[in-house]
N, C-alpha and C. Protein backbone atom coordinates (compact mmCIF):
# COMPACT_ATOMS: atom_id res chain seq x y z
N MET A 1 1.12 4.47 7.89
CA MET A 1 1.33 3.06 8.06
C MET A 1 2.30 2.51 7.03
N LEU A 2 2.24 3.00 5.80
CA LEU A 2 3.12 2.52 4.74
C LEU A 2 3.29 3.62 3.70
N ASN A 3 4.54 3.94 3.38
CA ASN A 3 4.84 4.94 2.36
C ASN A 3 5.52 4.26 1.19
N VAL A 4 5.06 4.55 -0.01
CA VAL A 4 5.69 4.06 -1.23
C VAL A 4 6.57 5.20 -1.75
N VAL A 5 7.88 4.93 -1.87
CA VAL A 5 8.84 5.96 -2.24
C VAL A 5 9.47 5.61 -3.58
N GLY A 6 9.34 6.50 -4.54
CA GLY A 6 10.00 6.31 -5.82
C GLY A 6 11.48 6.55 -5.68
N LYS A 7 12.27 5.67 -6.28
CA LYS A 7 13.72 5.78 -6.23
C LYS A 7 14.27 5.90 -7.64
N ALA A 8 15.57 5.87 -7.79
CA ALA A 8 16.20 6.02 -9.10
C ALA A 8 15.80 4.94 -10.07
N ALA A 9 15.76 5.28 -11.34
CA ALA A 9 15.51 4.35 -12.44
C ALA A 9 14.20 3.57 -12.28
N GLY A 10 13.17 4.22 -11.72
CA GLY A 10 11.87 3.58 -11.64
C GLY A 10 11.73 2.54 -10.55
N THR A 11 12.68 2.41 -9.67
CA THR A 11 12.56 1.45 -8.58
C THR A 11 11.74 2.08 -7.44
N LEU A 12 11.26 1.23 -6.55
CA LEU A 12 10.46 1.67 -5.42
C LEU A 12 11.00 1.10 -4.12
N ALA A 13 10.69 1.79 -3.03
CA ALA A 13 11.00 1.30 -1.68
C ALA A 13 9.78 1.61 -0.82
N LEU A 14 9.68 0.92 0.31
CA LEU A 14 8.59 1.17 1.25
C LEU A 14 9.20 1.63 2.57
N THR A 15 8.55 2.61 3.18
CA THR A 15 8.96 3.06 4.50
C THR A 15 7.73 3.14 5.38
N ALA A 16 7.95 3.24 6.67
CA ALA A 16 6.85 3.40 7.62
C ALA A 16 7.41 4.07 8.87
N ASP A 17 6.53 4.55 9.69
CA ASP A 17 6.92 5.12 10.97
C ASP A 17 7.67 4.07 11.79
N ARG A 18 8.68 4.53 12.54
CA ARG A 18 9.47 3.60 13.35
C ARG A 18 8.63 2.74 14.26
N SER A 19 7.54 3.29 14.76
CA SER A 19 6.69 2.51 15.67
C SER A 19 5.99 1.35 14.94
N HIS A 20 5.95 1.40 13.61
CA HIS A 20 5.31 0.33 12.84
C HIS A 20 6.30 -0.63 12.19
N THR A 21 7.57 -0.29 12.21
CA THR A 21 8.57 -1.15 11.55
C THR A 21 9.20 -2.17 12.49
N SER A 22 8.92 -2.07 13.74
CA SER A 22 9.46 -3.05 14.68
C SER A 22 8.30 -3.79 15.33
N GLY A 23 8.59 -4.83 16.01
CA GLY A 23 7.54 -5.58 16.69
C GLY A 23 6.97 -6.67 15.82
N THR A 24 5.72 -6.98 16.04
CA THR A 24 5.10 -8.16 15.42
C THR A 24 4.31 -7.86 14.16
N PHE A 25 4.40 -6.65 13.63
CA PHE A 25 3.60 -6.30 12.46
C PHE A 25 4.12 -6.90 11.17
N GLY A 26 5.40 -7.22 11.10
CA GLY A 26 5.94 -7.91 9.94
C GLY A 26 6.62 -7.03 8.91
N PHE A 27 6.85 -5.75 9.22
CA PHE A 27 7.58 -4.89 8.29
C PHE A 27 9.01 -5.43 8.18
N GLN A 28 9.48 -5.56 6.95
CA GLN A 28 10.83 -6.10 6.72
C GLN A 28 11.78 -4.98 6.34
N ALA A 29 12.92 -4.92 7.02
CA ALA A 29 13.88 -3.84 6.81
C ALA A 29 14.30 -3.71 5.35
N GLY A 30 14.39 -4.82 4.63
CA GLY A 30 14.80 -4.79 3.23
C GLY A 30 13.85 -4.03 2.33
N TRP A 31 12.63 -3.83 2.76
CA TRP A 31 11.66 -3.07 1.96
C TRP A 31 12.08 -1.62 1.80
N GLN A 32 12.93 -1.14 2.68
CA GLN A 32 13.39 0.25 2.63
C GLN A 32 14.44 0.47 1.54
N LEU A 33 14.91 -0.61 0.95
CA LEU A 33 15.89 -0.52 -0.13
C LEU A 33 15.18 -0.55 -1.47
N ALA A 34 15.67 0.24 -2.41
CA ALA A 34 15.06 0.30 -3.74
C ALA A 34 15.07 -1.06 -4.41
N ALA A 35 13.96 -1.39 -5.07
CA ALA A 35 13.86 -2.68 -5.79
C ALA A 35 13.05 -2.49 -7.06
N GLU A 36 13.31 -3.35 -8.01
CA GLU A 36 12.58 -3.35 -9.29
C GLU A 36 11.18 -3.92 -9.11
N GLN A 37 10.33 -3.66 -10.07
CA GLN A 37 8.93 -4.12 -10.03
C GLN A 37 8.84 -5.63 -9.89
N ASP A 38 9.66 -6.39 -10.59
CA ASP A 38 9.60 -7.86 -10.49
C ASP A 38 9.90 -8.33 -9.06
N GLU A 39 10.82 -7.67 -8.40
CA GLU A 39 11.14 -8.03 -7.01
C GLU A 39 9.95 -7.73 -6.10
N TRP A 40 9.28 -6.59 -6.34
CA TRP A 40 8.11 -6.28 -5.52
C TRP A 40 7.00 -7.28 -5.73
N ARG A 41 6.87 -7.82 -6.90
CA ARG A 41 5.84 -8.85 -7.12
C ARG A 41 6.07 -10.04 -6.19
N THR A 42 7.32 -10.43 -5.99
CA THR A 42 7.61 -11.57 -5.12
C THR A 42 7.41 -11.24 -3.65
N ARG A 43 7.53 -9.97 -3.29
CA ARG A 43 7.41 -9.55 -1.90
C ARG A 43 5.98 -9.18 -1.50
N TRP A 44 5.11 -8.96 -2.49
CA TRP A 44 3.85 -8.27 -2.18
C TRP A 44 2.97 -9.01 -1.21
N SER A 45 2.96 -10.32 -1.20
CA SER A 45 2.11 -11.02 -0.24
C SER A 45 2.54 -10.70 1.19
N LYS A 46 3.83 -10.52 1.42
CA LYS A 46 4.31 -10.15 2.77
C LYS A 46 3.90 -8.72 3.11
N VAL A 47 3.89 -7.83 2.11
CA VAL A 47 3.43 -6.45 2.32
C VAL A 47 1.95 -6.47 2.72
N GLU A 48 1.16 -7.27 2.01
CA GLU A 48 -0.26 -7.40 2.35
C GLU A 48 -0.44 -7.96 3.77
N ASP A 49 0.39 -8.93 4.15
CA ASP A 49 0.32 -9.46 5.52
C ASP A 49 0.58 -8.36 6.54
N TYR A 50 1.62 -7.53 6.26
CA TYR A 50 1.93 -6.40 7.13
C TYR A 50 0.72 -5.48 7.26
N LEU A 51 0.09 -5.13 6.15
CA LEU A 51 -1.07 -4.24 6.17
C LEU A 51 -2.23 -4.84 6.96
N GLU A 52 -2.43 -6.14 6.81
CA GLU A 52 -3.50 -6.81 7.55
C GLU A 52 -3.27 -6.74 9.06
N ARG A 53 -2.01 -6.71 9.47
CA ARG A 53 -1.70 -6.64 10.91
C ARG A 53 -1.73 -5.19 11.42
N ILE A 54 -1.18 -4.27 10.63
CA ILE A 54 -1.01 -2.90 11.13
C ILE A 54 -2.32 -2.10 11.10
N ILE A 55 -3.17 -2.33 10.12
CA ILE A 55 -4.39 -1.51 9.99
C ILE A 55 -5.28 -1.64 11.23
N PRO A 56 -5.61 -2.85 11.68
CA PRO A 56 -6.44 -2.93 12.90
C PRO A 56 -5.75 -2.32 14.12
N ALA A 57 -4.45 -2.52 14.23
CA ALA A 57 -3.72 -1.96 15.39
C ALA A 57 -3.72 -0.44 15.34
N ALA A 58 -3.52 0.12 14.18
CA ALA A 58 -3.52 1.57 14.04
C ALA A 58 -4.92 2.15 14.22
N ALA A 59 -5.90 1.41 13.80
CA ALA A 59 -7.30 1.88 13.91
C ALA A 59 -7.69 2.09 15.38
N VAL A 60 -7.19 1.23 16.23
CA VAL A 60 -7.50 1.35 17.66
C VAL A 60 -7.05 2.70 18.19
N LYS A 61 -5.88 3.17 17.71
CA LYS A 61 -5.33 4.43 18.20
C LYS A 61 -5.82 5.65 17.42
N HIS A 62 -6.05 5.50 16.12
CA HIS A 62 -6.20 6.68 15.28
C HIS A 62 -7.51 6.80 14.51
N ALA A 63 -8.27 5.76 14.42
CA ALA A 63 -9.43 5.77 13.51
C ALA A 63 -10.67 6.39 14.14
N THR A 64 -11.48 6.96 13.28
CA THR A 64 -12.80 7.41 13.69
C THR A 64 -13.70 6.18 13.77
N ARG A 65 -14.93 6.36 14.16
CA ARG A 65 -15.85 5.21 14.23
C ARG A 65 -15.95 4.53 12.86
N GLU A 66 -16.13 5.32 11.81
CA GLU A 66 -16.23 4.74 10.46
C GLU A 66 -14.93 4.02 10.11
N GLY A 67 -13.80 4.63 10.39
CA GLY A 67 -12.52 4.01 10.10
C GLY A 67 -12.31 2.72 10.87
N ALA A 68 -12.76 2.68 12.11
CA ALA A 68 -12.62 1.46 12.91
C ALA A 68 -13.43 0.32 12.31
N VAL A 69 -14.62 0.63 11.83
CA VAL A 69 -15.45 -0.40 11.19
C VAL A 69 -14.77 -0.90 9.92
N GLN A 70 -14.26 0.02 9.09
CA GLN A 70 -13.57 -0.39 7.88
C GLN A 70 -12.37 -1.26 8.20
N ALA A 71 -11.59 -0.88 9.21
CA ALA A 71 -10.42 -1.66 9.59
C ALA A 71 -10.83 -3.04 10.08
N ALA A 72 -11.88 -3.11 10.87
CA ALA A 72 -12.34 -4.40 11.37
C ALA A 72 -12.82 -5.29 10.24
N VAL A 73 -13.60 -4.75 9.33
CA VAL A 73 -14.11 -5.54 8.21
C VAL A 73 -12.97 -6.04 7.34
N SER A 74 -11.96 -5.22 7.11
CA SER A 74 -10.87 -5.61 6.22
C SER A 74 -9.89 -6.58 6.89
N SER A 75 -10.00 -6.77 8.19
CA SER A 75 -9.05 -7.65 8.88
C SER A 75 -9.44 -9.12 8.79
N PHE A 76 -10.62 -9.45 8.28
CA PHE A 76 -11.06 -10.83 8.17
C PHE A 76 -10.92 -11.32 6.75
N THR A 77 -10.16 -12.38 6.56
CA THR A 77 -9.91 -12.93 5.24
C THR A 77 -11.01 -13.91 4.86
N THR A 78 -11.49 -13.77 3.66
CA THR A 78 -12.51 -14.68 3.14
C THR A 78 -12.42 -14.68 1.62
N GLY A 79 -12.74 -15.79 1.01
CA GLY A 79 -12.73 -15.88 -0.45
C GLY A 79 -13.99 -15.31 -1.07
N SER A 80 -14.95 -14.89 -0.26
CA SER A 80 -16.23 -14.44 -0.81
C SER A 80 -16.32 -12.94 -1.04
N ARG A 81 -15.30 -12.19 -0.67
CA ARG A 81 -15.33 -10.74 -0.90
C ARG A 81 -13.92 -10.21 -1.08
N VAL A 82 -13.84 -9.03 -1.63
CA VAL A 82 -12.58 -8.33 -1.80
C VAL A 82 -12.73 -6.94 -1.19
N MET A 83 -11.78 -6.53 -0.37
CA MET A 83 -11.83 -5.20 0.25
C MET A 83 -11.14 -4.19 -0.69
N LEU A 84 -11.89 -3.22 -1.16
CA LEU A 84 -11.35 -2.20 -2.06
C LEU A 84 -11.15 -0.86 -1.35
N ASP A 85 -11.70 -0.68 -0.19
CA ASP A 85 -11.68 0.61 0.48
C ASP A 85 -10.44 0.75 1.35
N ARG A 86 -9.30 0.85 0.73
CA ARG A 86 -8.05 1.14 1.43
C ARG A 86 -7.72 2.59 1.11
N GLU A 87 -8.04 3.50 2.02
CA GLU A 87 -7.87 4.92 1.76
C GLU A 87 -6.40 5.31 1.92
N VAL A 88 -5.97 6.14 1.01
CA VAL A 88 -4.59 6.64 1.03
C VAL A 88 -4.60 8.13 0.73
N ALA A 89 -3.55 8.80 1.11
CA ALA A 89 -3.35 10.19 0.73
C ALA A 89 -2.12 10.21 -0.17
N LEU A 90 -2.35 10.44 -1.44
CA LEU A 90 -1.25 10.43 -2.40
C LEU A 90 -0.58 11.80 -2.46
N HIS A 91 0.73 11.77 -2.55
CA HIS A 91 1.52 13.00 -2.72
C HIS A 91 2.50 12.75 -3.86
N PHE A 92 2.72 13.74 -4.67
CA PHE A 92 3.59 13.61 -5.84
C PHE A 92 4.62 14.72 -5.81
N LYS A 93 5.79 14.43 -6.36
CA LYS A 93 6.85 15.46 -6.35
C LYS A 93 6.53 16.60 -7.29
N ASP A 94 5.74 16.33 -8.36
CA ASP A 94 5.33 17.39 -9.28
C ASP A 94 4.20 16.88 -10.18
N ALA A 95 3.66 17.76 -11.03
CA ALA A 95 2.52 17.39 -11.88
C ALA A 95 2.91 16.32 -12.89
N ASP A 96 4.14 16.35 -13.41
CA ASP A 96 4.57 15.34 -14.38
C ASP A 96 4.60 13.95 -13.75
N ALA A 97 5.09 13.86 -12.53
CA ALA A 97 5.13 12.56 -11.83
C ALA A 97 3.71 12.06 -11.58
N LYS A 98 2.82 12.96 -11.20
CA LYS A 98 1.43 12.58 -10.96
C LYS A 98 0.80 12.03 -12.24
N LYS A 99 0.99 12.72 -13.35
CA LYS A 99 0.42 12.29 -14.63
C LYS A 99 0.98 10.94 -15.02
N TRP A 100 2.29 10.76 -14.89
CA TRP A 100 2.92 9.48 -15.27
C TRP A 100 2.34 8.34 -14.44
N ILE A 101 2.23 8.53 -13.13
CA ILE A 101 1.73 7.46 -12.26
C ILE A 101 0.27 7.14 -12.58
N PHE A 102 -0.56 8.16 -12.74
CA PHE A 102 -1.95 7.90 -13.06
C PHE A 102 -2.11 7.24 -14.43
N ASP A 103 -1.28 7.64 -15.39
CA ASP A 103 -1.32 6.98 -16.70
C ASP A 103 -0.96 5.50 -16.58
N GLU A 104 0.05 5.18 -15.80
CA GLU A 104 0.46 3.79 -15.60
C GLU A 104 -0.62 2.97 -14.90
N VAL A 105 -1.19 3.54 -13.85
CA VAL A 105 -2.18 2.82 -13.06
C VAL A 105 -3.48 2.60 -13.84
N THR A 106 -3.87 3.59 -14.62
CA THR A 106 -5.16 3.49 -15.33
C THR A 106 -5.03 2.87 -16.72
N ALA A 107 -3.83 2.62 -17.21
CA ALA A 107 -3.65 2.07 -18.56
C ALA A 107 -4.45 0.78 -18.81
N PRO A 108 -4.40 -0.21 -17.92
CA PRO A 108 -5.18 -1.43 -18.17
C PRO A 108 -6.68 -1.18 -18.30
N ILE A 109 -7.18 -0.26 -17.49
CA ILE A 109 -8.62 0.06 -17.54
C ILE A 109 -8.93 0.79 -18.84
N ARG A 110 -8.11 1.77 -19.19
CA ARG A 110 -8.34 2.52 -20.41
C ARG A 110 -8.24 1.62 -21.64
N MET A 111 -7.31 0.68 -21.65
CA MET A 111 -7.16 -0.25 -22.77
C MET A 111 -8.38 -1.15 -22.90
N ARG A 112 -8.92 -1.56 -21.77
CA ARG A 112 -10.08 -2.45 -21.76
C ARG A 112 -11.34 -1.76 -22.26
N TRP A 113 -11.50 -0.50 -21.90
CA TRP A 113 -12.74 0.20 -22.17
C TRP A 113 -12.67 1.15 -23.36
N THR A 114 -11.55 1.25 -24.03
CA THR A 114 -11.44 2.08 -25.22
C THR A 114 -11.90 1.31 -26.43
N PRO A 115 -12.89 1.87 -27.17
CA PRO A 115 -13.40 1.12 -28.34
C PRO A 115 -12.37 0.96 -29.44
């Protein structure tokens, strides 16, 4: 549904299957171009909108019973809960890239919980 692609100099781009980048799902062609982190911060609400549209649609075709329930639950917006169960399959170009990404992602948590 959505691929995060590392580009030169630490920039990122998003790609998706052609069947998901056209139509009413909201994927924007410009997301396929490399952009800095600050630019992605300004775009991210649109990316979330895309995910909210594509996940239920994809679940109809591809999800198991459990996946369909998760997709249905996550498609309803409310201020009383946060959906954390967005399953992904991560792939890395090598062990160094994996370590760097995990270090970056977990740094705020490690800083908070390190005595």
